[in-house]
């Protein structure tokens, strides 16, 4: 799994300015740098969306936990568990 540190490393190591020498020698660098930066941007956006969805799922889990004796709540708690959002077992 890619971490935020990996993204920072990729951006630092694949900066277009750093490839000026390679570009002057005729090696294609702009396309590779642009592709890496686009992938980093896409990953950051996906990570942001994932965090928002997990937060929303946690809110659903909390609501269902308050009504755990009702059928709909059990269904929601099951969906949350499948999505990886579960409550603390020590509580």
Protein backbone atom coordinates (compact mmCIF):
# COMPACT_ATOMS: atom_id res chain seq x y z
CA UNK A 1 0.00 0.00 0.00
CA UNK A 2 1.28 3.45 -0.87
CA UNK A 3 1.70 5.81 2.08
CA UNK A 4 1.83 9.58 2.30
CA UNK A 5 5.59 9.30 2.75
CA UNK A 6 5.83 7.40 -0.54
CA UNK A 7 3.92 10.17 -2.32
CA UNK A 8 6.26 12.80 -0.87
CA UNK A 9 9.27 10.72 -1.95
CA UNK A 10 7.94 10.28 -5.48
CA UNK A 11 7.24 13.99 -5.81
CA UNK A 12 10.71 14.87 -4.50
CA UNK A 13 12.55 12.33 -6.64
CA UNK A 14 10.61 12.86 -9.85
CA UNK A 15 10.62 16.63 -9.99
CA UNK A 16 10.84 17.92 -13.56
CA UNK A 17 13.60 20.37 -12.65
CA UNK A 18 15.84 17.53 -11.48
CA UNK A 19 15.69 15.92 -14.91
CA UNK A 20 16.98 18.95 -16.81
CA UNK A 21 20.28 17.24 -17.65
CA UNK A 22 18.59 14.09 -18.89
CA UNK A 23 16.23 16.19 -20.98
CA UNK A 24 19.10 18.12 -22.52
CA UNK A 25 20.64 14.81 -23.57
CA UNK A 26 17.49 13.86 -25.45
CA UNK A 27 15.88 11.52 -22.93
CA UNK A 28 12.11 11.93 -22.59
CA UNK A 29 11.48 13.17 -19.06
CA UNK A 30 8.51 15.54 -19.18
CA UNK A 31 6.03 12.77 -19.92
CA UNK A 32 7.34 10.52 -17.16
CA UNK A 33 7.35 13.32 -14.58
CA UNK A 34 3.88 14.43 -15.59
CA UNK A 35 2.60 10.85 -15.36
CA UNK A 36 4.09 10.33 -11.91
CA UNK A 37 2.66 13.62 -10.66
CA UNK A 38 -0.75 12.76 -12.12
CA UNK A 39 -0.67 9.37 -10.39
CA UNK A 40 0.28 11.02 -7.09
CA UNK A 41 -2.58 13.50 -7.47
CA UNK A 42 -5.02 10.70 -8.27
CA UNK A 43 -3.86 8.66 -5.29
CA UNK A 44 -4.27 11.62 -2.95
CA UNK A 45 -7.80 12.22 -4.26
CA UNK A 46 -8.73 8.55 -3.87
CA UNK A 47 -7.33 8.53 -0.34
CA UNK A 48 -9.39 11.63 0.54
CA UNK A 49 -12.56 10.05 -0.85
CA UNK A 50 -11.87 6.80 1.02
CA UNK A 51 -11.46 8.68 4.30
CA UNK A 52 -14.73 10.53 3.73
CA UNK A 53 -16.56 7.28 2.99
CA UNK A 54 -15.15 5.57 6.08
CA UNK A 55 -16.23 8.53 8.20
CA UNK A 56 -19.76 8.32 6.77
CA UNK A 57 -19.84 4.57 7.37
CA UNK A 58 -18.72 5.12 10.96
CA UNK A 59 -21.60 7.57 11.44
CA UNK A 60 -24.02 4.93 10.13
CA UNK A 61 -22.51 2.36 12.48
CA UNK A 62 -22.94 4.67 15.47
CA UNK A 63 -26.59 5.30 14.60
CA UNK A 64 -27.27 1.60 14.14
CA UNK A 65 -25.46 0.75 17.39
CA UNK A 66 -27.93 2.93 19.29
CA UNK A 67 -30.80 0.86 17.83
CA UNK A 68 -29.09 -2.55 17.77
CA UNK A 69 -32.25 -4.43 18.72
CA UNK A 70 -34.05 -3.40 15.54
CA UNK A 71 -33.80 -5.36 12.28
CA UNK A 72 -32.64 -2.46 10.14
CA UNK A 73 -29.84 -1.69 12.61
CA UNK A 74 -28.52 -5.25 12.45
CA UNK A 75 -28.45 -5.01 8.66
CA UNK A 76 -26.52 -1.72 8.80
CA UNK A 77 -24.07 -3.10 11.38
CA UNK A 78 -23.47 -6.05 9.05
CA UNK A 79 -22.75 -3.73 6.12
CA UNK A 80 -20.39 -1.69 8.27
CA UNK A 81 -18.53 -4.81 9.40
CA UNK A 82 -18.11 -5.90 5.77
CA UNK A 83 -16.70 -2.44 5.01
CA UNK A 84 -14.17 -2.76 7.82
CA UNK A 85 -15.86 -0.40 10.28
CA UNK A 86 -16.47 -2.15 13.59
CA UNK A 87 -16.86 -0.98 17.14
CA UNK A 88 -14.48 -1.53 19.99
CA UNK A 89 -14.92 -4.94 21.59
CA UNK A 90 -13.54 -3.67 24.90
CA UNK A 91 -16.29 -1.15 25.39
